Structure formats: C-alpha cells, structure tokens
Amino acid sequence: METSAGFWLLAVLLLAATSFSQDQAVKYFKVGDTLQLRPQRVSGPINSIVWKFDKNLLAEWVKDSIPLTYYSRFKGRTTLNTDTGVLEIRDMTAEDSGVYSVEINNQVQSRVYKTVAVEAVPQPEVSVRPLLCNSTSKSCTLSCGGDVSDAGPVEYFWRIGDGEWNQSGTNMEIINNEETQHVPTFSCRMKNIVSERDSKPLFNPLFQIKPADCGHWMIVLGAVMRSLAIVALFVAVVYFLCQKLLSVCVCKHRKGHNDAV
C-alpha cells in the first residue's frame, strides 16, 4: 500500500512539473531594449492586476482601491496597461533576467515568463579541418566559430561564393568534386534575436582554375605583353629622337660660340 501511494504521489509531482514547464514561456532580450509581457486572456473586464518578479512585487493595481503602483528598481521605466494587463519594461538590464508572473482578478495565471538577457553575436570566423586541407584532399570540414555562450539561441547560415545564404549547422562539409573546385570562397553568418554578423570570406582550399580559364588568362596575358612591348618601343623611339634633337642643339650652340670668338 505504501509503495502504491508513493508511486501515485511521484506521478502527481511529475505531472505538476510537466504542466509547469509547458506553461513557462522563455523570452530573450538585449540589454537596453524594451521587454513586453502579455498575459493570458481573461473573460470579463479586468479589475485587479499584480505582476511579480521572482515572487517580489513589481506592479500592482486594484480598481477603486489601489492606484497603479510600481516597486523597487522598476519605478520610472515600467508601464502597465490596466485594460489589457500588458507590462512593458524599458532599459532592460542583465539583472532583470528572471521569472515574471501575473495575477489578474485575484487569479494567478498558469503561464510564467522566464526572461534571459542575450548579447550580440560575435563576428564569426571560418576555420578548416584538417589544417592541411588542399586541392588533393577528398573532403574538408568548415566550421563557423565564435564565442556564443551569452548569445542565446544562435542560427548559422552559409554562402558559397556570391550565392544566396542558406541556413545550416555550425559545420559544413565540402567534397572535392568539379562543382566545389570552381567555388572561390565560403562565408558563414551567425544570427540571434538581437543581431547578425558575417565572417570574412575564406578562400576555398579545394579551388582549382578551370582549363578554359587558363586559356582565357593566357590570352589576356598575351594582350598585356603586346601592349607593354608597344609602349616600350614608343618610349625607345621618343628617347632616341630626344637624344638626336639634343645633339643637334649642342652642335649649333658650339658653332655659334666659335663664330662669335
């Protein structure tokens, strides 16, 4: 009998814990931003509201009895809408992270709000594994790195060359095939609810120049060399003419000097 009673007590406790977790809404915010908390709908007009932060009074109002009152550090930066129960807190700080609950018309609502301060994501950096990854490797792994311990949930995106950004994981495997060999760069992006930043493009370690591209570059190089040759010939001709003209001028000057003497 004691075993059966203990079993049912444990089941009830587990059920209560599950219900609580289901009613807990997690809200992330950036320091300095405004947080808005919206209670569950109630039937009929609202006559009283009590908001609490970690079981401490935050805001209180009772129609025709208690005027709208704000408590502790929330004074001066909090607004409570007595018609809807919506609570807004401005200039949020890291110390405002915690659990918020609300009681409307003397009924404690089942939903509570767990708030967590998050920071902007860092500028990510793409790294390659193995370090000796090169054009002869069968495959390599790219990682989008950066300290995101205080950034909350982070999403990762990858871009191949100048293509579109596609959401993926922290890592991306690149296979050494004809398609990958002709991609010049890879880039990654980190994004959370308050920010997003892109990495600098990483040169593709598997990159290989197409034979057609080699031919194109040879044509361009040949044209450049021919242009340089023409310029060099032009400079040589101009130099020769200048030297010739200078010699003539010197001779005339000497002849005139001798005639004067």
C-alpha atoms as a PDB file:
ATOM      1  CA  MET A   1       0.000   0.000   0.000  1.00  0.00           C
ATOM      2  CA  GLU A   2       2.806   2.395   0.889  1.00  0.00           C
ATOM      3  CA  THR A   3       4.533   1.578  -2.408  1.00  0.00           C
ATOM      4  CA  SER A   4       1.349   2.285  -4.368  1.00  0.00           C
ATOM      5  CA  ALA A   5       0.782   5.580  -2.551  1.00  0.00           C
ATOM      6  CA  GLY A   6       4.392   6.611  -3.168  1.00  0.00           C
ATOM      7  CA  PHE A   7       4.040   5.763  -6.850  1.00  0.00           C
ATOM      8  CA  TRP A   8       0.923   7.890  -7.262  1.00  0.00           C
ATOM      9  CA  LEU A   9       2.480  10.784  -5.351  1.00  0.00           C
ATOM     10  CA  LEU A  10       5.509  10.686  -7.642  1.00  0.00           C
ATOM     11  CA  ALA A  11       3.230  10.599 -10.698  1.00  0.00           C
ATOM     12  CA  VAL A  12       1.324  13.647  -9.469  1.00  0.00           C
ATOM     13  CA  LEU A  13       4.562  15.535  -8.836  1.00  0.00           C
ATOM     14  CA  LEU A  14       5.876  14.663 -12.292  1.00  0.00           C
ATOM     15  CA  LEU A  15       2.596  15.756 -13.849  1.00  0.00           C
ATOM     16  CA  ALA A  16       2.738  19.057 -11.982  1.00  0.00           C
ATOM     17  CA  ALA A  17       6.337  19.633 -13.071  1.00  0.00           C
ATOM     18  CA  THR A  18       5.429  18.857 -16.674  1.00  0.00           C
ATOM     19  CA  SER A  19       2.472  21.231 -16.572  1.00  0.00           C
ATOM     20  CA  PHE A  20       4.651  23.982 -15.160  1.00  0.00           C
ATOM     21  CA  SER A  21       7.293  23.559 -17.828  1.00  0.00           C
ATOM     22  CA  GLN A  22       4.630  23.639 -20.513  1.00  0.00           C
ATOM     23  CA  ASP A  23       3.307  26.966 -19.179  1.00  0.00           C
ATOM     24  CA  GLN A  24       6.741  28.564 -18.935  1.00  0.00           C
ATOM     25  CA  ALA A  25       7.496  30.916 -21.815  1.00  0.00           C
ATOM     26  CA  VAL A  26      11.138  31.853 -22.401  1.00  0.00           C
ATOM     27  CA  LYS A  27      11.737  35.377 -23.667  1.00  0.00           C
ATOM     28  CA  TYR A  28      15.150  36.679 -24.706  1.00  0.00           C
ATOM     29  CA  PHE A  29      16.077  40.349 -24.655  1.00  0.00           C
ATOM     30  CA  LYS A  30      19.044  42.579 -25.357  1.00  0.00           C
ATOM     31  CA  VAL A  31      20.341  44.851 -22.620  1.00  0.00           C
ATOM     32  CA  GLY A  32      18.884  48.327 -23.143  1.00  0.00           C
ATOM     33  CA  ASP A  33      15.830  47.122 -25.068  1.00  0.00           C
ATOM     34  CA  THR A  34      12.162  47.181 -24.031  1.00  0.00           C
ATOM     35  CA  LEU A  35      10.559  43.951 -22.808  1.00  0.00           C
ATOM     36  CA  GLN A  36       6.841  43.373 -23.320  1.00  0.00           C
ATOM     37  CA  LEU A  37       4.967  40.704 -21.382  1.00  0.00           C
ATOM     38  CA  ARG A  38       1.412  39.867 -22.408  1.00  0.00           C
ATOM     39  CA  PRO A  39      -0.801  37.862 -20.011  1.00  0.00           C
ATOM     40  CA  GLN A  40      -3.310  35.219 -20.998  1.00  0.00           C
ATOM     41  CA  ARG A  41      -6.764  36.404 -21.949  1.00  0.00           C
ATOM     42  CA  VAL A  42      -9.409  36.603 -19.239  1.00  0.00           C
ATOM     43  CA  SER A  43     -13.171  36.645 -19.524  1.00  0.00           C
ATOM     44  CA  GLY A  44     -14.857  39.870 -18.497  1.00  0.00           C
ATOM     45  CA  PRO A  45     -13.336  43.213 -17.516  1.00  0.00           C
ATOM     46  CA  ILE A  46     -10.088  43.428 -15.578  1.00  0.00           C
ATOM     47  CA  ASN A  47     -10.482  44.761 -12.039  1.00  0.00           C
ATOM     48  CA  SER A  48      -7.116  43.943 -10.498  1.00  0.00           C
ATOM     49  CA  ILE A  49      -3.569  43.166 -11.686  1.00  0.00           C
ATOM     50  CA  VAL A  50      -0.486  42.121  -9.765  1.00  0.00           C
ATOM     51  CA  TRP A  51       2.813  41.491 -11.596  1.00  0.00           C
ATOM     52  CA  LYS A  52       5.697  39.858  -9.717  1.00  0.00           C
ATOM     53  CA  PHE A  53       9.389  39.425 -10.473  1.00  0.00           C
ATOM     54  CA  ASP A  54      10.902  36.372  -8.799  1.00  0.00           C
ATOM     55  CA  LYS A  55       7.990  36.457  -6.301  1.00  0.00           C
ATOM     56  CA  ASN A  56       8.642  40.123  -5.447  1.00  0.00           C
ATOM     57  CA  LEU A  57       6.060  42.795  -6.224  1.00  0.00           C
ATOM     58  CA  LEU A  58       6.746  44.612  -9.475  1.00  0.00           C
ATOM     59  CA  ALA A  59       3.468  46.396 -10.271  1.00  0.00           C
ATOM     60  CA  GLU A  60       0.055  46.438  -8.609  1.00  0.00           C
ATOM     61  CA  TRP A  61      -3.357  47.900  -9.382  1.00  0.00           C
ATOM     62  CA  VAL A  62      -6.847  47.330  -7.957  1.00  0.00           C
ATOM     63  CA  LYS A  63      -9.749  49.273  -9.387  1.00  0.00           C
ATOM     64  CA  ASP A  64     -11.186  51.860  -6.965  1.00  0.00           C
ATOM     65  CA  SER A  65      -8.861  50.604  -4.243  1.00  0.00           C
ATOM     66  CA  ILE A  66      -5.126  50.598  -5.012  1.00  0.00           C
ATOM     67  CA  PRO A  67      -3.741  53.099  -7.553  1.00  0.00           C
ATOM     68  CA  LEU A  68      -1.271  51.868 -10.135  1.00  0.00           C
ATOM     69  CA  THR A  69       1.959  51.382  -8.211  1.00  0.00           C
ATOM     70  CA  TYR A  70       5.442  50.265  -9.348  1.00  0.00           C
ATOM     71  CA  TYR A  71       8.024  48.824  -6.982  1.00  0.00           C
ATOM     72  CA  SER A  72      11.800  48.737  -6.426  1.00  0.00           C
ATOM     73  CA  ARG A  73      14.052  49.283  -9.450  1.00  0.00           C
ATOM     74  CA  PHE A  74      11.149  49.056 -11.918  1.00  0.00           C
ATOM     75  CA  LYS A  75       9.904  52.509 -10.947  1.00  0.00           C
ATOM     76  CA  GLY A  76      10.233  55.074 -13.730  1.00  0.00           C
ATOM     77  CA  ARG A  77      10.763  52.585 -16.555  1.00  0.00           C
ATOM     78  CA  THR A  78       7.665  50.406 -16.415  1.00  0.00           C
ATOM     79  CA  THR A  79       4.210  50.819 -17.945  1.00  0.00           C
ATOM     80  CA  LEU A  80       1.221  48.626 -17.111  1.00  0.00           C
ATOM     81  CA  ASN A  81      -1.890  48.753 -19.290  1.00  0.00           C
ATOM     82  CA  THR A  82      -4.764  48.231 -16.855  1.00  0.00           C
ATOM     83  CA  ASP A  83      -7.183  47.436 -19.691  1.00  0.00           C
ATOM     84  CA  THR A  84      -5.143  44.521 -21.112  1.00  0.00           C
ATOM     85  CA  GLY A  85      -2.642  43.637 -18.375  1.00  0.00           C
ATOM     86  CA  VAL A  86       0.283  44.073 -20.802  1.00  0.00           C
ATOM     87  CA  LEU A  87       3.503  45.010 -18.997  1.00  0.00           C
ATOM     88  CA  GLU A  88       6.349  46.934 -20.648  1.00  0.00           C
ATOM     89  CA  ILE A  89       9.763  47.430 -19.052  1.00  0.00           C
ATOM     90  CA  ARG A  90      12.228  49.810 -20.684  1.00  0.00           C
ATOM     91  CA  ASP A  91      16.028  49.895 -20.472  1.00  0.00           C
ATOM     92  CA  MET A  92      16.327  46.237 -19.565  1.00  0.00           C
ATOM     93  CA  THR A  93      19.456  45.147 -17.701  1.00  0.00           C
ATOM     94  CA  ALA A  94      21.074  41.776 -17.127  1.00  0.00           C
ATOM     95  CA  GLU A  95      19.754  41.900 -13.537  1.00  0.00           C
ATOM     96  CA  ASP A  96      16.216  41.884 -14.951  1.00  0.00           C
ATOM     97  CA  SER A  97      16.670  38.278 -16.072  1.00  0.00           C
ATOM     98  CA  GLY A  98      14.356  36.060 -14.068  1.00  0.00           C
ATOM     99  CA  VAL A  99      10.803  34.780 -13.738  1.00  0.00           C
ATOM    100  CA  TYR A 100       7.792  37.062 -14.146  1.00  0.00           C
ATOM    101  CA  SER A 101       4.277  36.029 -13.130  1.00  0.00           C
ATOM    102  CA  VAL A 102       0.916  37.769 -13.102  1.00  0.00           C
ATOM    103  CA  GLU A 103      -2.321  37.607 -11.115  1.00  0.00           C
ATOM    104  CA  ILE A 104      -5.447  39.074 -12.734  1.00  0.00           C
ATOM    105  CA  ASN A 105      -8.789  39.396 -10.952  1.00  0.00           C
ATOM    106  CA  ASN A 106      -7.319  37.505  -7.990  1.00  0.00           C
ATOM    107  CA  GLN A 107      -6.468  34.521 -10.200  1.00  0.00           C
ATOM    108  CA  VAL A 108      -2.809  33.506 -10.598  1.00  0.00           C
ATOM    109  CA  GLN A 109      -2.211  32.680 -14.244  1.00  0.00           C
ATOM    110  CA  SER A 110      -0.563  29.375 -15.041  1.00  0.00           C
ATOM    111  CA  ARG A 111       1.846  30.890 -17.541  1.00  0.00           C
ATOM    112  CA  VAL A 112       5.065  32.410 -16.240  1.00  0.00           C
ATOM    113  CA  TYR A 113       7.733  34.183 -18.247  1.00  0.00           C
ATOM    114  CA  LYS A 114      11.393  33.311 -17.882  1.00  0.00           C
ATOM    115  CA  THR A 115      13.479  36.143 -19.321  1.00  0.00           C
ATOM    116  CA  VAL A 116      17.121  35.820 -20.345  1.00  0.00           C
ATOM    117  CA  ALA A 117      19.488  38.623 -21.352  1.00  0.00           C
ATOM    118  CA  VAL A 118      21.467  37.917 -24.525  1.00  0.00           C
ATOM    119  CA  GLU A 119      24.390  39.679 -26.162  1.00  0.00           C
ATOM    120  CA  ALA A 120      25.020  40.361 -29.827  1.00  0.00           C
ATOM    121  CA  VAL A 121      26.756  37.570 -31.711  1.00  0.00           C
ATOM    122  CA  PRO A 122      30.491  37.985 -32.341  1.00  0.00           C
ATOM    123  CA  GLN A 123      31.937  38.270 -35.825  1.00  0.00           C
ATOM    124  CA  PRO A 124      32.313  34.625 -36.839  1.00  0.00           C
ATOM    125  CA  GLU A 125      35.439  33.127 -38.335  1.00  0.00           C
ATOM    126  CA  VAL A 126      35.578  30.208 -40.742  1.00  0.00           C
ATOM    127  CA  SER A 127      38.178  27.558 -39.947  1.00  0.00           C
ATOM    128  CA  VAL A 128      39.157  24.453 -41.913  1.00  0.00           C
ATOM    129  CA  ARG A 129      39.760  20.879 -40.807  1.00  0.00           C
ATOM    130  CA  PRO A 130      42.157  19.266 -41.383  1.00  0.00           C
ATOM    131  CA  LEU A 131      44.663  22.105 -41.355  1.00  0.00           C
ATOM    132  CA  LEU A 132      46.438  20.580 -44.367  1.00  0.00           C
ATOM    133  CA  CYS A 133      43.278  20.592 -46.456  1.00  0.00           C
ATOM    134  CA  ASN A 134      44.198  21.359 -50.091  1.00  0.00           C
ATOM    135  CA  SER A 135      43.196  20.639 -53.681  1.00  0.00           C
ATOM    136  CA  THR A 136      44.303  16.987 -53.345  1.00  0.00           C
ATOM    137  CA  SER A 137      42.063  16.278 -50.303  1.00  0.00           C
ATOM    138  CA  LYS A 138      38.916  14.184 -50.792  1.00  0.00           C
ATOM    139  CA  SER A 139      36.880  16.397 -48.459  1.00  0.00           C
ATOM    140  CA  CYS A 140      37.256  19.053 -45.766  1.00  0.00           C
ATOM    141  CA  THR A 141      35.093  20.442 -42.980  1.00  0.00           C
ATOM    142  CA  LEU A 142      34.429  24.151 -42.497  1.00  0.00           C
ATOM    143  CA  SER A 143      33.453  25.428 -39.036  1.00  0.00           C
ATOM    144  CA  CYS A 144      31.740  28.727 -38.171  1.00  0.00           C
ATOM    145  CA  GLY A 145      33.426  29.698 -34.902  1.00  0.00           C
ATOM    146  CA  GLY A 146      32.965  32.380 -32.235  1.00  0.00           C
ATOM    147  CA  ASP A 147      32.066  32.687 -28.549  1.00  0.00           C
ATOM    148  CA  VAL A 148      28.258  32.490 -28.370  1.00  0.00           C
ATOM    149  CA  SER A 149      27.987  31.499 -24.702  1.00  0.00           C
ATOM    150  CA  ASP A 150      25.973  34.663 -23.885  1.00  0.00           C
ATOM    151  CA  ALA A 151      24.163  34.996 -27.211  1.00  0.00           C
ATOM    152  CA  GLY A 152      21.217  32.689 -26.535  1.00  0.00           C
ATOM    153  CA  PRO A 153      19.903  30.568 -29.407  1.00  0.00           C
ATOM    154  CA  VAL A 154      22.082  31.107 -32.495  1.00  0.00           C
ATOM    155  CA  GLU A 155      21.295  30.239 -36.103  1.00  0.00           C
ATOM    156  CA  TYR A 156      24.008  29.537 -38.682  1.00  0.00           C
ATOM    157  CA  PHE A 157      23.982  30.307 -42.393  1.00  0.00           C
ATOM    158  CA  TRP A 158      26.477  29.520 -45.172  1.00  0.00           C
ATOM    159  CA  ARG A 159      27.162  31.165 -48.503  1.00  0.00           C
ATOM    160  CA  ILE A 160      29.024  29.552 -51.368  1.00  0.00           C
ATOM    161  CA  GLY A 161      30.877  32.154 -53.430  1.00  0.00           C
ATOM    162  CA  ASP A 162      28.494  35.038 -54.123  1.00  0.00           C
ATOM    163  CA  GLY A 163      25.389  32.843 -53.869  1.00  0.00           C
ATOM    164  CA  GLU A 164      22.432  33.010 -51.516  1.00  0.00           C
ATOM    165  CA  TRP A 165      22.648  32.475 -47.753  1.00  0.00           C
ATOM    166  CA  ASN A 166      21.314  29.057 -46.698  1.00  0.00           C
ATOM    167  CA  GLN A 167      20.590  28.060 -43.102  1.00  0.00           C
ATOM    168  CA  SER A 168      22.607  25.101 -41.873  1.00  0.00           C
ATOM    169  CA  GLY A 169      24.602  23.952 -38.857  1.00  0.00           C
ATOM    170  CA  THR A 170      27.853  25.098 -37.293  1.00  0.00           C
ATOM    171  CA  ASN A 171      29.855  22.868 -39.636  1.00  0.00           C
ATOM    172  CA  MET A 172      29.708  22.328 -43.376  1.00  0.00           C
ATOM    173  CA  GLU A 173      31.466  19.526 -45.248  1.00  0.00           C
ATOM    174  CA  ILE A 174      32.832  20.299 -48.702  1.00  0.00           C
ATOM    175  CA  ILE A 175      33.528  17.442 -51.115  1.00  0.00           C
ATOM    176  CA  ASN A 176      36.329  17.700 -53.652  1.00  0.00           C
ATOM    177  CA  ASN A 177      34.364  17.496 -56.886  1.00  0.00           C
ATOM    178  CA  GLU A 178      34.118  19.509 -60.089  1.00  0.00           C
ATOM    179  CA  GLU A 179      31.469  21.819 -58.684  1.00  0.00           C
ATOM    180  CA  THR A 180      33.321  22.604 -55.449  1.00  0.00           C
ATOM    181  CA  GLN A 181      36.693  23.019 -57.159  1.00  0.00           C
ATOM    182  CA  HIS A 182      35.497  26.111 -59.002  1.00  0.00           C
ATOM    183  CA  VAL A 183      33.976  27.917 -55.982  1.00  0.00           C
ATOM    184  CA  PRO A 184      36.346  30.746 -54.967  1.00  0.00           C
ATOM    185  CA  THR A 185      35.203  31.398 -51.362  1.00  0.00           C
ATOM    186  CA  PHE A 186      32.978  30.292 -48.475  1.00  0.00           C
ATOM    187  CA  SER A 187      31.386  32.552 -45.837  1.00  0.00           C
ATOM    188  CA  CYS A 188      29.283  31.948 -42.719  1.00  0.00           C
ATOM    189  CA  ARG A 189      26.780  34.046 -40.761  1.00  0.00           C
ATOM    190  CA  MET A 190      25.692  33.967 -37.111  1.00  0.00           C
ATOM    191  CA  LYS A 191      22.264  35.277 -36.142  1.00  0.00           C
ATOM    192  CA  ASN A 192      20.316  35.551 -32.895  1.00  0.00           C
ATOM    193  CA  ILE A 193      17.209  37.513 -31.954  1.00  0.00           C
ATOM    194  CA  VAL A 194      19.129  40.775 -31.485  1.00  0.00           C
ATOM    195  CA  SER A 195      21.890  40.726 -34.118  1.00  0.00           C
ATOM    196  CA  GLU A 196      23.584  39.044 -37.063  1.00  0.00           C
ATOM    197  CA  ARG A 197      27.173  39.176 -38.332  1.00  0.00           C
ATOM    198  CA  ASP A 198      29.057  37.706 -41.286  1.00  0.00           C
ATOM    199  CA  SER A 199      32.529  36.224 -41.446  1.00  0.00           C
ATOM    200  CA  LYS A 200      35.207  37.327 -43.848  1.00  0.00           C
ATOM    201  CA  PRO A 201      35.210  35.147 -46.994  1.00  0.00           C
ATOM    202  CA  LEU A 202      37.511  32.146 -46.712  1.00  0.00           C
ATOM    203  CA  PHE A 203      39.447  31.162 -49.828  1.00  0.00           C
ATOM    204  CA  ASN A 204      38.400  27.688 -50.931  1.00  0.00           C
ATOM    205  CA  PRO A 205      41.254  25.261 -50.121  1.00  0.00           C
ATOM    206  CA  LEU A 206      39.936  22.924 -52.844  1.00  0.00           C
ATOM    207  CA  PHE A 207      39.875  25.646 -55.509  1.00  0.00           C
ATOM    208  CA  GLN A 208      41.244  24.791 -58.953  1.00  0.00           C
ATOM    209  CA  ILE A 209      41.328  27.027 -62.033  1.00  0.00           C
ATOM    210  CA  LYS A 210      39.383  25.713 -64.995  1.00  0.00           C
ATOM    211  CA  PRO A 211      41.448  24.903 -68.114  1.00  0.00           C
ATOM    212  CA  ALA A 212      39.197  27.267 -70.048  1.00  0.00           C
ATOM    213  CA  ASP A 213      40.031  29.970 -67.534  1.00  0.00           C
ATOM    214  CA  CYS A 214      43.737  29.267 -68.028  1.00  0.00           C
ATOM    215  CA  GLY A 215      43.342  29.798 -71.756  1.00  0.00           C
ATOM    216  CA  HIS A 216      41.458  32.999 -71.115  1.00  0.00           C
ATOM    217  CA  TRP A 217      44.167  34.270 -68.815  1.00  0.00           C
ATOM    218  CA  MET A 218      46.858  33.350 -71.372  1.00  0.00           C
ATOM    219  CA  ILE A 219      45.017  35.431 -73.963  1.00  0.00           C
ATOM    220  CA  VAL A 220      44.752  38.331 -71.534  1.00  0.00           C
ATOM    221  CA  LEU A 221      48.434  37.976 -70.583  1.00  0.00           C
ATOM    222  CA  GLY A 222      49.448  37.914 -74.238  1.00  0.00           C
ATOM    223  CA  ALA A 223      47.469  41.085 -74.922  1.00  0.00           C
ATOM    224  CA  VAL A 224      49.058  42.785 -71.929  1.00  0.00           C
ATOM    225  CA  MET A 225      52.550  41.759 -73.037  1.00  0.00           C
ATOM    226  CA  ARG A 226      51.928  43.069 -76.531  1.00  0.00           C
ATOM    227  CA  SER A 227      50.696  46.359 -75.099  1.00  0.00           C
ATOM    228  CA  LEU A 228      53.764  46.637 -72.907  1.00  0.00           C
ATOM    229  CA  ALA A 229      56.001  45.916 -75.900  1.00  0.00           C
ATOM    230  CA  ILE A 230      54.345  48.689 -77.923  1.00  0.00           C
ATOM    231  CA  VAL A 231      54.713  51.108 -75.040  1.00  0.00           C
ATOM    232  CA  ALA A 232      58.383  50.153 -74.626  1.00  0.00           C
ATOM    233  CA  LEU A 233      59.006  50.666 -78.357  1.00  0.00           C
ATOM    234  CA  PHE A 234      57.284  54.049 -78.228  1.00  0.00           C
ATOM    235  CA  VAL A 235      59.398  55.118 -75.272  1.00  0.00           C
ATOM    236  CA  ALA A 236      62.576  53.974 -77.047  1.00  0.00           C
ATOM    237  CA  VAL A 237      61.706  55.949 -80.198  1.00  0.00           C
ATOM    238  CA  VAL A 238      60.896  59.071 -78.186  1.00  0.00           C
ATOM    239  CA  TYR A 239      64.159  58.715 -76.249  1.00  0.00           C
ATOM    240  CA  PHE A 240      66.146  58.316 -79.468  1.00  0.00           C
ATOM    241  CA  LEU A 241      64.532  61.368 -81.054  1.00  0.00           C
ATOM    242  CA  CYS A 242      65.138  63.426 -77.915  1.00  0.00           C
ATOM    243  CA  GLN A 243      68.797  62.408 -77.867  1.00  0.00           C
ATOM    244  CA  LYS A 244      69.109  63.266 -81.569  1.00  0.00           C
ATOM    245  CA  LEU A 245      67.481  66.648 -81.075  1.00  0.00           C
ATOM    246  CA  LEU A 246      69.695  67.367 -78.073  1.00  0.00           C
ATOM    247  CA  SER A 247      72.813  66.564 -80.097  1.00  0.00           C
ATOM    248  CA  VAL A 248      71.770  68.927 -82.886  1.00  0.00           C
ATOM    249  CA  CYS A 249      71.093  71.709 -80.391  1.00  0.00           C
ATOM    250  CA  VAL A 250      74.523  71.235 -78.769  1.00  0.00           C
ATOM    251  CA  CYS A 251      76.287  71.369 -82.119  1.00  0.00           C
ATOM    252  CA  LYS A 252      74.536  74.563 -83.148  1.00  0.00           C
ATOM    253  CA  HIS A 253      75.355  76.124 -79.804  1.00  0.00           C
ATOM    254  CA  ARG A 254      79.072  75.285 -80.167  1.00  0.00           C
ATOM    255  CA  LYS A 255      79.206  76.561 -83.772  1.00  0.00           C
ATOM    256  CA  GLY A 256      77.616  79.823 -82.760  1.00  0.00           C
ATOM    257  CA  HIS A 257      80.067  80.242 -79.915  1.00  0.00           C
ATOM    258  CA  ASN A 258      83.078  79.633 -82.216  1.00  0.00           C
ATOM    259  CA  ASP A 259      81.795  82.129 -84.802  1.00  0.00           C
ATOM    260  CA  ALA A 260      81.453  84.763 -82.096  1.00  0.00           C
ATOM    261  CA  VAL A 261      85.034  84.234 -80.981  1.00  0.00           C
END
